[in-house]
Amino acid sequence: MASNKHASIRYRVLDKCFANPVKKYFIADLIAVCTAALKEIDPDSEGISLRTIQNDIIHMESAEGFNAPIGRHKDGKKVYYRYEEKDFSIDKQPLNQAELEQIKAAMQVLSHFKGMPQFEWLNDLKPKMENALLLEQHNSPIISFDTNQYLTGIEHLSELFYAILYKKPLCISYQSYKNEEPTKQLLHPYHLKQYNNRWFLLGLNHTYNTITNLALDRIKSIEEEPIPYVATDINFEEYFDDIIGVSLLDGKNKEKIILKFSPSSAPYVLSKPLHHSQKKISYIDGELIISIEVIPNYELESLILSFGERVEVLTPNGFRDKIAERLEMNTAIYK
C-alpha cells in the first residue's frame, strides 16, 4: 500500500516538473525532487533510484497510465524532460481502467454502509457514479460483511444517531425480554455500538442517573423529551476496554480469568484473541491455557459457553461456578 501511495506522489511531482516551461529537469533533478517530496511525508523513506524514475516515466506515457506526451530534449550531452503539449497535466486526464476498477471496488465496500445515517448520500451517489463511470452493476461482490439488513430496530439508527449528534434527550418505549409490556425510559443518548450483529444505544438513565444500554431491536418508539440535555465526559473509545460486549455492570471489578482450551479450539483462540488483554500461559500438547483481564458480564458468559466442552474455566472460583451452573441447567433440559 505504501509503495502505491509513494508512486502517486512521484507522478504528481514529475507532472509539475514536466509542465514547467522554463526550468530544465534532467534525470538527476527528477530523482532529487522526488526524493525530497517523499522525505517530507516519510523521513525514513529511502532515496529514489534511477530505475524507479525511468519506470515512472514509461508508466506515465503508457495507456494504462496517463498517455503523457513527455518529450526528451538534448542539452549538450544531457537530456531534459518536458511535456510536448503546453497545457497537459495528469490532473486533466480522464480516469484510466485501473482507476475505474479501484473506484468500483470502493463503491462496493461503501455500499455496505448504506443503512448508516452518515452514509445516506450513497443512496443517490451510487447509481450516479455507476452511470457516469460506466461501471457494471451486476457483478458479484468481492467482499461481504456480516450484517443483517433486515435486523429489527435498524430503522431507529438514523434518529438515534442525530439525537446524539444534536444532544436531544429522548423518551424511549422499551420492552426487555423480561417484561411483557413496554416501559418508558428517559435517556440522554451518548453512543451507538454494534456487537454480535446487534446495535445498542448507551446513555444516561435520567431516573436512576446511571449509564444503561438498550438493544435497538427492543425499542418500540422514540420521542424527544423537552428537558435540558445532560452531557458526559465518558471516553467511549476506552469505555469498553475492560469488558466483552456492551454490558458494564456497576460495582463489578476487573478479574483475571484463566481458561483452558482443547487442542481443537487452541489455534482459533490464538489467531482470534477473546480480548485485547489475552496472554498465553502455556501451550503444551495442543492444550492452551490463557488469561484475560475483564469485568465478568453476560456477554463473556455467552462467549465461553459457545465453546462448549472445548473450554474450561480454571479461575476464579466464583466465575467457574457460574459457568458450571449454567452448563448444569442446560444439561438438565436434555435429561
C-alpha atoms as a PDB file:
ATOM      1  CA  MET A   1       0.000   0.000   0.000  1.00  0.00           C
ATOM      2  CA  ALA A   2       2.837   2.376   0.867  1.00  0.00           C
ATOM      3  CA  SER A   3       4.526   1.803  -2.497  1.00  0.00           C
ATOM      4  CA  ASN A   4       1.316   2.698  -4.371  1.00  0.00           C
ATOM      5  CA  LYS A   5       0.958   5.850  -2.300  1.00  0.00           C
ATOM      6  CA  HIS A   6       4.581   6.806  -2.986  1.00  0.00           C
ATOM      7  CA  ALA A   7       4.118   6.170  -6.711  1.00  0.00           C
ATOM      8  CA  SER A   8       1.146   8.548  -6.775  1.00  0.00           C
ATOM      9  CA  ILE A   9       3.255  11.242  -5.097  1.00  0.00           C
ATOM     10  CA  ARG A  10       6.099  10.737  -7.577  1.00  0.00           C
ATOM     11  CA  TYR A  11       3.719  11.028 -10.548  1.00  0.00           C
ATOM     12  CA  ARG A  12       2.435  14.374  -9.312  1.00  0.00           C
ATOM     13  CA  VAL A  13       5.930  15.705  -8.627  1.00  0.00           C
ATOM     14  CA  LEU A  14       7.076  14.604 -12.085  1.00  0.00           C
ATOM     15  CA  ASP A  15       3.938  16.126 -13.605  1.00  0.00           C
ATOM     16  CA  LYS A  16       4.875  19.547 -12.205  1.00  0.00           C
ATOM     17  CA  CYS A  17       8.444  19.184 -13.437  1.00  0.00           C
ATOM     18  CA  PHE A  18       7.401  18.205 -16.968  1.00  0.00           C
ATOM     19  CA  ALA A  19       4.886  21.070 -17.092  1.00  0.00           C
ATOM     20  CA  ASN A  20       7.458  23.730 -16.171  1.00  0.00           C
ATOM     21  CA  PRO A  21       8.121  25.713 -19.381  1.00  0.00           C
ATOM     22  CA  VAL A  22      11.274  27.405 -18.052  1.00  0.00           C
ATOM     23  CA  LYS A  23      13.328  25.109 -15.845  1.00  0.00           C
ATOM     24  CA  LYS A  24      15.092  22.170 -17.450  1.00  0.00           C
ATOM     25  CA  TYR A  25      14.751  18.965 -15.461  1.00  0.00           C
ATOM     26  CA  PHE A  26      17.431  16.387 -16.142  1.00  0.00           C
ATOM     27  CA  ILE A  27      17.149  12.844 -14.784  1.00  0.00           C
ATOM     28  CA  ALA A  28      19.274  13.694 -11.729  1.00  0.00           C
ATOM     29  CA  ASP A  29      16.951  16.647 -10.986  1.00  0.00           C
ATOM     30  CA  LEU A  30      13.891  14.409 -11.196  1.00  0.00           C
ATOM     31  CA  ILE A  31      15.439  11.924  -8.770  1.00  0.00           C
ATOM     32  CA  ALA A  32      16.293  14.749  -6.360  1.00  0.00           C
ATOM     33  CA  VAL A  33      12.867  16.433  -6.316  1.00  0.00           C
ATOM     34  CA  CYS A  34      11.011  13.109  -5.939  1.00  0.00           C
ATOM     35  CA  THR A  35      13.299  12.048  -3.109  1.00  0.00           C
ATOM     36  CA  ALA A  36      12.776  15.389  -1.342  1.00  0.00           C
ATOM     37  CA  ALA A  37       8.986  15.147  -1.704  1.00  0.00           C
ATOM     38  CA  LEU A  38       8.895  11.670  -0.201  1.00  0.00           C
ATOM     39  CA  LYS A  39      11.195  12.679   2.643  1.00  0.00           C
ATOM     40  CA  GLU A  40       8.693  15.372   3.649  1.00  0.00           C
ATOM     41  CA  ILE A  41       5.944  12.841   4.301  1.00  0.00           C
ATOM     42  CA  ASP A  42       8.157   9.904   5.314  1.00  0.00           C
ATOM     43  CA  PRO A  43      11.552  10.882   6.772  1.00  0.00           C
ATOM     44  CA  ASP A  44      12.584   7.216   6.847  1.00  0.00           C
ATOM     45  CA  SER A  45      11.958   6.634   3.138  1.00  0.00           C
ATOM     46  CA  GLU A  46      14.928   5.588   1.030  1.00  0.00           C
ATOM     47  CA  GLY A  47      16.238   7.626  -1.880  1.00  0.00           C
ATOM     48  CA  ILE A  48      14.641   7.166  -5.312  1.00  0.00           C
ATOM     49  CA  SER A  49      16.645   5.058  -7.761  1.00  0.00           C
ATOM     50  CA  LEU A  50      17.309   5.834 -11.424  1.00  0.00           C
ATOM     51  CA  ARG A  51      15.347   2.769 -12.490  1.00  0.00           C
ATOM     52  CA  THR A  52      12.302   3.858 -10.443  1.00  0.00           C
ATOM     53  CA  ILE A  53      12.161   7.240 -12.189  1.00  0.00           C
ATOM     54  CA  GLN A  54      12.662   5.628 -15.595  1.00  0.00           C
ATOM     55  CA  ASN A  55       9.825   3.201 -14.909  1.00  0.00           C
ATOM     56  CA  ASP A  56       7.627   6.082 -13.690  1.00  0.00           C
ATOM     57  CA  ILE A  57       8.191   7.949 -16.959  1.00  0.00           C
ATOM     58  CA  ILE A  58       7.352   4.845 -19.008  1.00  0.00           C
ATOM     59  CA  HIS A  59       4.169   4.314 -16.986  1.00  0.00           C
ATOM     60  CA  MET A  60       3.080   7.951 -17.320  1.00  0.00           C
ATOM     61  CA  GLU A  61       3.483   7.681 -21.103  1.00  0.00           C
ATOM     62  CA  SER A  62       1.503   4.444 -21.348  1.00  0.00           C
ATOM     63  CA  ALA A  63      -2.215   3.997 -22.000  1.00  0.00           C
ATOM     64  CA  GLU A  64      -2.505   2.291 -18.587  1.00  0.00           C
ATOM     65  CA  GLY A  65      -1.011   5.444 -17.078  1.00  0.00           C
ATOM     66  CA  PHE A  66      -1.773   8.956 -18.318  1.00  0.00           C
ATOM     67  CA  ASN A  67      -0.829   8.975 -22.033  1.00  0.00           C
ATOM     68  CA  ALA A  68       1.543  11.772 -21.083  1.00  0.00           C
ATOM     69  CA  PRO A  69       3.347  13.435 -24.061  1.00  0.00           C
ATOM     70  CA  ILE A  70       6.782  13.532 -22.412  1.00  0.00           C
ATOM     71  CA  GLY A  71       9.483  14.902 -24.703  1.00  0.00           C
ATOM     72  CA  ARG A  72      13.236  14.288 -24.465  1.00  0.00           C
ATOM     73  CA  HIS A  73      15.335  17.322 -25.330  1.00  0.00           C
ATOM     74  CA  LYS A  74      19.110  17.355 -25.663  1.00  0.00           C
ATOM     75  CA  ASP A  75      21.140  19.993 -23.923  1.00  0.00           C
ATOM     76  CA  GLY A  76      24.738  19.215 -24.756  1.00  0.00           C
ATOM     77  CA  LYS A  77      25.378  15.643 -23.718  1.00  0.00           C
ATOM     78  CA  LYS A  78      22.471  15.567 -21.260  1.00  0.00           C
ATOM     79  CA  VAL A  79      18.715  15.174 -21.794  1.00  0.00           C
ATOM     80  CA  TYR A  80      15.973  17.073 -20.039  1.00  0.00           C
ATOM     81  CA  TYR A  81      12.273  16.167 -19.925  1.00  0.00           C
ATOM     82  CA  ARG A  82       9.279  18.393 -20.709  1.00  0.00           C
ATOM     83  CA  TYR A  83       5.720  17.956 -21.918  1.00  0.00           C
ATOM     84  CA  GLU A  84       5.294  18.392 -25.661  1.00  0.00           C
ATOM     85  CA  GLU A  85       1.808  19.793 -25.079  1.00  0.00           C
ATOM     86  CA  LYS A  86       1.883  23.100 -23.224  1.00  0.00           C
ATOM     87  CA  ASP A  87      -1.288  22.689 -21.152  1.00  0.00           C
ATOM     88  CA  PHE A  88      -1.020  18.978 -20.421  1.00  0.00           C
ATOM     89  CA  SER A  89      -1.442  17.769 -16.835  1.00  0.00           C
ATOM     90  CA  ILE A  90      -2.260  14.358 -15.430  1.00  0.00           C
ATOM     91  CA  ASP A  91      -4.967  16.039 -13.327  1.00  0.00           C
ATOM     92  CA  LYS A  92      -6.847  16.889 -16.529  1.00  0.00           C
ATOM     93  CA  GLN A  93      -6.868  13.320 -17.856  1.00  0.00           C
ATOM     94  CA  PRO A  94      -9.899  11.019 -17.697  1.00  0.00           C
ATOM     95  CA  LEU A  95      -9.756   8.060 -15.334  1.00  0.00           C
ATOM     96  CA  ASN A  96      -7.989   5.013 -16.740  1.00  0.00           C
ATOM     97  CA  GLN A  97      -9.350   1.474 -16.450  1.00  0.00           C
ATOM     98  CA  ALA A  98      -7.314   0.623 -13.366  1.00  0.00           C
ATOM     99  CA  GLU A  99      -8.632   3.703 -11.564  1.00  0.00           C
ATOM    100  CA  LEU A 100     -12.188   2.869 -12.613  1.00  0.00           C
ATOM    101  CA  GLU A 101     -11.816  -0.627 -11.147  1.00  0.00           C
ATOM    102  CA  GLN A 102     -10.473   0.833  -7.897  1.00  0.00           C
ATOM    103  CA  ILE A 103     -13.447   3.195  -7.637  1.00  0.00           C
ATOM    104  CA  LYS A 104     -15.803   0.338  -8.418  1.00  0.00           C
ATOM    105  CA  ALA A 105     -14.305  -1.790  -5.626  1.00  0.00           C
ATOM    106  CA  ALA A 106     -14.505   1.146  -3.206  1.00  0.00           C
ATOM    107  CA  MET A 107     -18.177   1.709  -4.073  1.00  0.00           C
ATOM    108  CA  GLN A 108     -18.920  -1.950  -3.349  1.00  0.00           C
ATOM    109  CA  VAL A 109     -17.373  -1.613   0.106  1.00  0.00           C
ATOM    110  CA  LEU A 110     -19.144   1.688   0.815  1.00  0.00           C
ATOM    111  CA  SER A 111     -22.491   0.230  -0.217  1.00  0.00           C
ATOM    112  CA  HIS A 112     -22.300  -1.914   2.934  1.00  0.00           C
ATOM    113  CA  PHE A 113     -22.881   1.257   4.964  1.00  0.00           C
ATOM    114  CA  LYS A 114     -25.992   2.414   3.092  1.00  0.00           C
ATOM    115  CA  GLY A 115     -28.142   1.922   6.193  1.00  0.00           C
ATOM    116  CA  MET A 116     -25.931   4.157   8.314  1.00  0.00           C
ATOM    117  CA  PRO A 117     -27.214   7.727   8.714  1.00  0.00           C
ATOM    118  CA  GLN A 118     -23.866   9.325   7.892  1.00  0.00           C
ATOM    119  CA  PHE A 119     -23.822   7.406   4.600  1.00  0.00           C
ATOM    120  CA  GLU A 120     -27.333   8.251   3.382  1.00  0.00           C
ATOM    121  CA  TRP A 121     -25.783  10.178   0.479  1.00  0.00           C
ATOM    122  CA  LEU A 122     -24.756   6.816  -1.006  1.00  0.00           C
ATOM    123  CA  ASN A 123     -28.355   6.087  -1.982  1.00  0.00           C
ATOM    124  CA  ASP A 124     -28.195   8.923  -4.537  1.00  0.00           C
ATOM    125  CA  LEU A 125     -24.497   8.841  -5.345  1.00  0.00           C
ATOM    126  CA  LYS A 126     -24.055   5.140  -6.147  1.00  0.00           C
ATOM    127  CA  PRO A 127     -26.298   4.966  -9.257  1.00  0.00           C
ATOM    128  CA  LYS A 128     -24.913   8.303 -10.490  1.00  0.00           C
ATOM    129  CA  MET A 129     -21.349   7.022 -10.133  1.00  0.00           C
ATOM    130  CA  GLU A 130     -22.193   3.766 -11.872  1.00  0.00           C
ATOM    131  CA  ASN A 131     -23.774   5.620 -14.763  1.00  0.00           C
ATOM    132  CA  ALA A 132     -21.084   8.305 -15.101  1.00  0.00           C
ATOM    133  CA  LEU A 133     -18.212   5.843 -14.894  1.00  0.00           C
ATOM    134  CA  LEU A 134     -19.967   3.131 -16.910  1.00  0.00           C
ATOM    135  CA  LEU A 135     -19.419   0.624 -14.118  1.00  0.00           C
ATOM    136  CA  GLU A 136     -21.011  -2.788 -14.442  1.00  0.00           C
ATOM    137  CA  GLN A 137     -23.850  -3.067 -11.950  1.00  0.00           C
ATOM    138  CA  HIS A 138     -24.426  -6.819 -11.756  1.00  0.00           C
ATOM    139  CA  ASN A 139     -21.026  -8.247 -10.909  1.00  0.00           C
ATOM    140  CA  SER A 140     -20.780 -10.476  -7.879  1.00  0.00           C
ATOM    141  CA  PRO A 141     -19.251  -8.520  -4.963  1.00  0.00           C
ATOM    142  CA  ILE A 142     -15.688  -9.311  -3.936  1.00  0.00           C
ATOM    143  CA  ILE A 143     -16.191  -8.686  -0.223  1.00  0.00           C
ATOM    144  CA  SER A 144     -19.096  -9.434   2.131  1.00  0.00           C
ATOM    145  CA  PHE A 145     -19.893  -8.224   5.633  1.00  0.00           C
ATOM    146  CA  ASP A 146     -21.656  -9.959   8.497  1.00  0.00           C
ATOM    147  CA  THR A 147     -24.615  -7.596   8.536  1.00  0.00           C
ATOM    148  CA  ASN A 148     -28.334  -8.338   8.657  1.00  0.00           C
ATOM    149  CA  GLN A 149     -30.056  -5.519   6.775  1.00  0.00           C
ATOM    150  CA  TYR A 150     -33.447  -6.849   7.950  1.00  0.00           C
ATOM    151  CA  LEU A 151     -32.491  -6.594  11.628  1.00  0.00           C
ATOM    152  CA  THR A 152     -35.378  -5.369  13.793  1.00  0.00           C
ATOM    153  CA  GLY A 153     -34.742  -1.887  15.162  1.00  0.00           C
ATOM    154  CA  ILE A 154     -32.324  -0.821  12.447  1.00  0.00           C
ATOM    155  CA  GLU A 155     -34.897   1.775  11.409  1.00  0.00           C
ATOM    156  CA  HIS A 156     -34.135   3.662  14.648  1.00  0.00           C
ATOM    157  CA  LEU A 157     -30.449   4.013  13.877  1.00  0.00           C
ATOM    158  CA  SER A 158     -30.653   7.287  11.973  1.00  0.00           C
ATOM    159  CA  GLU A 159     -32.919   9.001  14.518  1.00  0.00           C
ATOM    160  CA  LEU A 160     -30.692   7.948  17.416  1.00  0.00           C
ATOM    161  CA  PHE A 161     -27.553   8.997  15.560  1.00  0.00           C
ATOM    162  CA  TYR A 162     -28.868  12.536  15.150  1.00  0.00           C
ATOM    163  CA  ALA A 163     -30.197  12.643  18.715  1.00  0.00           C
ATOM    164  CA  ILE A 164     -26.652  12.011  19.939  1.00  0.00           C
ATOM    165  CA  LEU A 165     -25.202  14.454  17.430  1.00  0.00           C
ATOM    166  CA  TYR A 166     -27.578  17.275  18.384  1.00  0.00           C
ATOM    167  CA  LYS A 167     -27.805  16.355  22.097  1.00  0.00           C
ATOM    168  CA  LYS A 168     -31.523  15.577  22.299  1.00  0.00           C
ATOM    169  CA  PRO A 169     -32.924  13.832  25.415  1.00  0.00           C
ATOM    170  CA  LEU A 170     -35.279  11.000  24.474  1.00  0.00           C
ATOM    171  CA  CYS A 171     -38.274   9.226  25.917  1.00  0.00           C
ATOM    172  CA  ILE A 172     -37.930   5.631  24.705  1.00  0.00           C
ATOM    173  CA  SER A 173     -40.594   2.974  24.859  1.00  0.00           C
ATOM    174  CA  TYR A 174     -38.588  -0.165  25.543  1.00  0.00           C
ATOM    175  CA  GLN A 175     -39.618  -3.782  26.023  1.00  0.00           C
ATOM    176  CA  SER A 176     -36.931  -6.006  27.506  1.00  0.00           C
ATOM    177  CA  TYR A 177     -37.100  -9.784  27.297  1.00  0.00           C
ATOM    178  CA  LYS A 178     -38.139  -9.866  30.952  1.00  0.00           C
ATOM    179  CA  ASN A 179     -41.183  -7.591  30.566  1.00  0.00           C
ATOM    180  CA  GLU A 180     -44.476  -8.434  28.911  1.00  0.00           C
ATOM    181  CA  GLU A 181     -45.227  -4.759  28.255  1.00  0.00           C
ATOM    182  CA  PRO A 182     -43.007  -1.835  27.154  1.00  0.00           C
ATOM    183  CA  THR A 183     -41.831   0.671  29.729  1.00  0.00           C
ATOM    184  CA  LYS A 184     -40.898   4.318  29.258  1.00  0.00           C
ATOM    185  CA  GLN A 185     -37.276   5.256  29.768  1.00  0.00           C
ATOM    186  CA  LEU A 186     -35.969   8.819  29.800  1.00  0.00           C
ATOM    187  CA  LEU A 187     -32.479   8.734  28.337  1.00  0.00           C
ATOM    188  CA  HIS A 188     -29.708  11.162  27.469  1.00  0.00           C
ATOM    189  CA  PRO A 189     -28.156   9.348  24.465  1.00  0.00           C
ATOM    190  CA  TYR A 190     -24.354   9.179  24.191  1.00  0.00           C
ATOM    191  CA  HIS A 191     -23.139   6.353  21.995  1.00  0.00           C
ATOM    192  CA  LEU A 192     -24.162   3.687  19.472  1.00  0.00           C
ATOM    193  CA  LYS A 193     -22.290   0.384  19.388  1.00  0.00           C
ATOM    194  CA  GLN A 194     -22.618  -2.746  17.316  1.00  0.00           C
ATOM    195  CA  TYR A 195     -21.820  -6.069  18.945  1.00  0.00           C
ATOM    196  CA  ASN A 196     -22.517  -9.588  17.738  1.00  0.00           C
ATOM    197  CA  ASN A 197     -24.535  -8.242  14.808  1.00  0.00           C
ATOM    198  CA  ARG A 198     -26.857  -6.211  17.102  1.00  0.00           C
ATOM    199  CA  TRP A 199     -26.957  -2.469  17.730  1.00  0.00           C
ATOM    200  CA  PHE A 200     -27.040  -0.942  21.211  1.00  0.00           C
ATOM    201  CA  LEU A 201     -27.683   2.587  22.464  1.00  0.00           C
ATOM    202  CA  LEU A 202     -25.780   3.740  25.531  1.00  0.00           C
ATOM    203  CA  GLY A 203     -26.888   6.723  27.536  1.00  0.00           C
ATOM    204  CA  LEU A 204     -27.668   8.169  30.948  1.00  0.00           C
ATOM    205  CA  ASN A 205     -30.891   6.941  32.519  1.00  0.00           C
ATOM    206  CA  HIS A 206     -32.467  10.159  33.784  1.00  0.00           C
ATOM    207  CA  THR A 207     -34.390   8.445  36.601  1.00  0.00           C
ATOM    208  CA  TYR A 208     -31.553   6.378  38.100  1.00  0.00           C
ATOM    209  CA  ASN A 209     -28.623   8.580  36.988  1.00  0.00           C
ATOM    210  CA  THR A 210     -26.748   5.536  35.676  1.00  0.00           C
ATOM    211  CA  ILE A 211     -25.334   4.544  32.294  1.00  0.00           C
ATOM    212  CA  THR A 212     -27.525   1.974  30.606  1.00  0.00           C
ATOM    213  CA  ASN A 213     -27.604   0.213  27.270  1.00  0.00           C
ATOM    214  CA  LEU A 214     -30.671  -0.544  25.201  1.00  0.00           C
ATOM    215  CA  ALA A 215     -30.818  -3.003  22.333  1.00  0.00           C
ATOM    216  CA  LEU A 216     -32.308  -1.301  19.281  1.00  0.00           C
ATOM    217  CA  ASP A 217     -34.381  -4.360  18.409  1.00  0.00           C
ATOM    218  CA  ARG A 218     -36.289  -3.947  21.704  1.00  0.00           C
ATOM    219  CA  ILE A 219     -37.147  -0.271  21.127  1.00  0.00           C
ATOM    220  CA  LYS A 220     -40.807   0.291  20.274  1.00  0.00           C
ATOM    221  CA  SER A 221     -40.909   4.065  19.839  1.00  0.00           C
ATOM    222  CA  ILE A 222     -38.818   7.199  20.334  1.00  0.00           C
ATOM    223  CA  GLU A 223     -39.872  10.734  21.223  1.00  0.00           C
ATOM    224  CA  GLU A 224     -37.834  13.821  22.009  1.00  0.00           C
ATOM    225  CA  GLU A 225     -38.126  14.953  25.615  1.00  0.00           C
ATOM    226  CA  PRO A 226     -38.170  18.760  26.253  1.00  0.00           C
ATOM    227  CA  ILE A 227     -35.673  18.806  29.127  1.00  0.00           C
ATOM    228  CA  PRO A 228     -32.063  20.046  29.330  1.00  0.00           C
ATOM    229  CA  TYR A 229     -29.543  17.593  27.928  1.00  0.00           C
ATOM    230  CA  VAL A 230     -27.031  16.143  30.410  1.00  0.00           C
ATOM    231  CA  ALA A 231     -23.655  15.834  28.695  1.00  0.00           C
ATOM    232  CA  THR A 232     -20.969  13.297  29.573  1.00  0.00           C
ATOM    233  CA  ASP A 233     -17.186  13.230  29.709  1.00  0.00           C
ATOM    234  CA  ILE A 234     -17.025   9.453  29.150  1.00  0.00           C
ATOM    235  CA  ASN A 235     -14.470   8.434  26.534  1.00  0.00           C
ATOM    236  CA  PHE A 236     -16.264   5.656  24.687  1.00  0.00           C
ATOM    237  CA  GLU A 237     -13.066   4.588  22.975  1.00  0.00           C
ATOM    238  CA  GLU A 238     -11.903   3.497  26.449  1.00  0.00           C
ATOM    239  CA  TYR A 239     -15.295   2.644  27.988  1.00  0.00           C
ATOM    240  CA  PHE A 240     -15.333  -0.885  26.562  1.00  0.00           C
ATOM    241  CA  ASP A 241     -11.673  -1.690  27.274  1.00  0.00           C
ATOM    242  CA  ASP A 242     -12.379  -3.914  30.288  1.00  0.00           C
ATOM    243  CA  ILE A 243     -15.416  -5.797  29.001  1.00  0.00           C
ATOM    244  CA  ILE A 244     -16.530  -8.075  26.214  1.00  0.00           C
ATOM    245  CA  GLY A 245     -19.687  -6.777  24.579  1.00  0.00           C
ATOM    246  CA  VAL A 246     -21.586  -3.743  25.884  1.00  0.00           C
ATOM    247  CA  SER A 247     -22.658  -4.528  29.470  1.00  0.00           C
ATOM    248  CA  LEU A 248     -20.584  -2.685  32.069  1.00  0.00           C
ATOM    249  CA  LEU A 249     -22.114  -3.563  35.444  1.00  0.00           C
ATOM    250  CA  ASP A 250     -21.879  -1.141  38.370  1.00  0.00           C
ATOM    251  CA  GLY A 251     -19.858  -2.361  41.332  1.00  0.00           C
ATOM    252  CA  LYS A 252     -18.042  -5.058  39.366  1.00  0.00           C
ATOM    253  CA  ASN A 253     -14.266  -5.075  39.269  1.00  0.00           C
ATOM    254  CA  LYS A 254     -11.895  -6.411  36.651  1.00  0.00           C
ATOM    255  CA  GLU A 255     -10.825 -10.014  37.275  1.00  0.00           C
ATOM    256  CA  LYS A 256      -8.070 -12.230  35.911  1.00  0.00           C
ATOM    257  CA  ILE A 257      -9.836 -15.167  34.309  1.00  0.00           C
ATOM    258  CA  ILE A 258      -7.820 -18.262  33.344  1.00  0.00           C
ATOM    259  CA  LEU A 259      -9.187 -20.534  30.645  1.00  0.00           C
ATOM    260  CA  LYS A 260      -8.021 -23.890  29.288  1.00  0.00           C
ATOM    261  CA  PHE A 261      -8.838 -24.739  25.665  1.00  0.00           C
ATOM    262  CA  SER A 262      -8.723 -28.131  23.987  1.00  0.00           C
ATOM    263  CA  PRO A 263      -6.412 -28.749  21.009  1.00  0.00           C
ATOM    264  CA  SER A 264      -9.352 -28.332  18.611  1.00  0.00           C
ATOM    265  CA  SER A 265     -10.011 -24.756  19.773  1.00  0.00           C
ATOM    266  CA  ALA A 266      -6.489 -23.613  20.639  1.00  0.00           C
ATOM    267  CA  PRO A 267      -5.472 -22.457  17.121  1.00  0.00           C
ATOM    268  CA  TYR A 268      -8.698 -20.437  16.798  1.00  0.00           C
ATOM    269  CA  VAL A 269      -8.177 -18.691  20.143  1.00  0.00           C
ATOM    270  CA  LEU A 270      -4.559 -17.947  19.317  1.00  0.00           C
ATOM    271  CA  SER A 271      -5.430 -16.424  15.943  1.00  0.00           C
ATOM    272  CA  LYS A 272      -8.514 -14.581  17.227  1.00  0.00           C
ATOM    273  CA  PRO A 273      -7.970 -13.477  20.849  1.00  0.00           C
ATOM    274  CA  LEU A 274     -11.040 -13.271  23.056  1.00  0.00           C
ATOM    275  CA  HIS A 275      -9.934  -9.865  24.375  1.00  0.00           C
ATOM    276  CA  HIS A 276      -7.030  -7.478  23.877  1.00  0.00           C
ATOM    277  CA  SER A 277      -5.740  -8.427  27.365  1.00  0.00           C
ATOM    278  CA  GLN A 278      -5.340 -12.096  26.379  1.00  0.00           C
ATOM    279  CA  LYS A 279      -1.998 -13.640  27.391  1.00  0.00           C
ATOM    280  CA  LYS A 280      -0.740 -17.155  26.739  1.00  0.00           C
ATOM    281  CA  ILE A 281       0.226 -19.022  29.910  1.00  0.00           C
ATOM    282  CA  SER A 282       1.108 -22.385  28.361  1.00  0.00           C
ATOM    283  CA  TYR A 283       0.652 -24.347  25.143  1.00  0.00           C
ATOM    284  CA  ILE A 284       1.557 -27.990  25.717  1.00  0.00           C
ATOM    285  CA  ASP A 285       0.498 -30.951  23.566  1.00  0.00           C
ATOM    286  CA  GLY A 286      -2.006 -28.728  21.783  1.00  0.00           C
ATOM    287  CA  GLU A 287      -3.745 -27.736  25.026  1.00  0.00           C
ATOM    288  CA  LEU A 288      -3.816 -23.956  25.502  1.00  0.00           C
ATOM    289  CA  ILE A 289      -4.099 -22.045  28.769  1.00  0.00           C
ATOM    290  CA  ILE A 290      -4.654 -18.282  28.577  1.00  0.00           C
ATOM    291  CA  SER A 291      -5.606 -15.428  30.846  1.00  0.00           C
ATOM    292  CA  ILE A 292      -7.810 -12.405  30.183  1.00  0.00           C
ATOM    293  CA  GLU A 293      -8.428  -9.458  32.492  1.00  0.00           C
ATOM    294  CA  VAL A 294     -12.039  -8.319  32.169  1.00  0.00           C
ATOM    295  CA  ILE A 295     -15.132  -7.445  34.155  1.00  0.00           C
ATOM    296  CA  PRO A 296     -17.371 -10.550  34.004  1.00  0.00           C
ATOM    297  CA  ASN A 297     -20.713  -9.958  32.298  1.00  0.00           C
ATOM    298  CA  TYR A 298     -23.401 -11.815  30.365  1.00  0.00           C
ATOM    299  CA  GLU A 299     -21.577 -11.443  27.040  1.00  0.00           C
ATOM    300  CA  LEU A 300     -18.445 -13.071  28.471  1.00  0.00           C
ATOM    301  CA  GLU A 301     -20.519 -15.969  29.804  1.00  0.00           C
ATOM    302  CA  SER A 302     -22.144 -16.434  26.390  1.00  0.00           C
ATOM    303  CA  LEU A 303     -18.787 -16.348  24.627  1.00  0.00           C
ATOM    304  CA  ILE A 304     -17.308 -19.024  26.888  1.00  0.00           C
ATOM    305  CA  LEU A 305     -20.412 -21.194  26.664  1.00  0.00           C
ATOM    306  CA  SER A 306     -20.213 -21.005  22.860  1.00  0.00           C
ATOM    307  CA  PHE A 307     -17.057 -23.160  23.047  1.00  0.00           C
ATOM    308  CA  GLY A 308     -18.999 -25.940  24.774  1.00  0.00           C
ATOM    309  CA  GLU A 309     -16.853 -28.824  26.001  1.00  0.00           C
ATOM    310  CA  ARG A 310     -13.736 -27.333  24.395  1.00  0.00           C
ATOM    311  CA  VAL A 311     -13.054 -24.850  27.208  1.00  0.00           C
ATOM    312  CA  GLU A 312     -12.752 -24.982  30.987  1.00  0.00           C
ATOM    313  CA  VAL A 313     -12.731 -22.031  33.378  1.00  0.00           C
ATOM    314  CA  LEU A 314      -9.898 -22.642  35.838  1.00  0.00           C
ATOM    315  CA  THR A 315     -10.141 -19.496  37.955  1.00  0.00           C
ATOM    316  CA  PRO A 316     -11.603 -17.506  39.652  1.00  0.00           C
ATOM    317  CA  ASN A 317     -13.810 -19.971  41.503  1.00  0.00           C
ATOM    318  CA  GLY A 318     -16.869 -17.716  41.539  1.00  0.00           C
ATOM    319  CA  PHE A 319     -16.912 -17.340  37.772  1.00  0.00           C
ATOM    320  CA  ARG A 320     -16.091 -21.048  37.321  1.00  0.00           C
ATOM    321  CA  ASP A 321     -19.115 -21.936  39.465  1.00  0.00           C
ATOM    322  CA  LYS A 322     -21.318 -19.560  37.453  1.00  0.00           C
ATOM    323  CA  ILE A 323     -20.398 -21.268  34.173  1.00  0.00           C
ATOM    324  CA  ALA A 324     -20.791 -24.724  35.733  1.00  0.00           C
ATOM    325  CA  GLU A 325     -24.263 -23.773  36.992  1.00  0.00           C
ATOM    326  CA  ARG A 326     -25.376 -22.655  33.548  1.00  0.00           C
ATOM    327  CA  LEU A 327     -23.999 -25.827  31.982  1.00  0.00           C
ATOM    328  CA  GLU A 328     -25.880 -27.962  34.518  1.00  0.00           C
ATOM    329  CA  MET A 329     -29.102 -26.107  33.761  1.00  0.00           C
ATOM    330  CA  ASN A 330     -28.503 -26.635  30.058  1.00  0.00           C
ATOM    331  CA  THR A 331     -27.778 -30.349  30.523  1.00  0.00           C
ATOM    332  CA  ALA A 332     -30.938 -30.769  32.606  1.00  0.00           C
ATOM    333  CA  ILE A 333     -33.022 -29.772  29.615  1.00  0.00           C
ATOM    334  CA  TYR A 334     -31.860 -32.877  27.733  1.00  0.00           C
ATOM    335  CA  LYS A 335     -32.329 -35.356  30.581  1.00  0.00           C
END
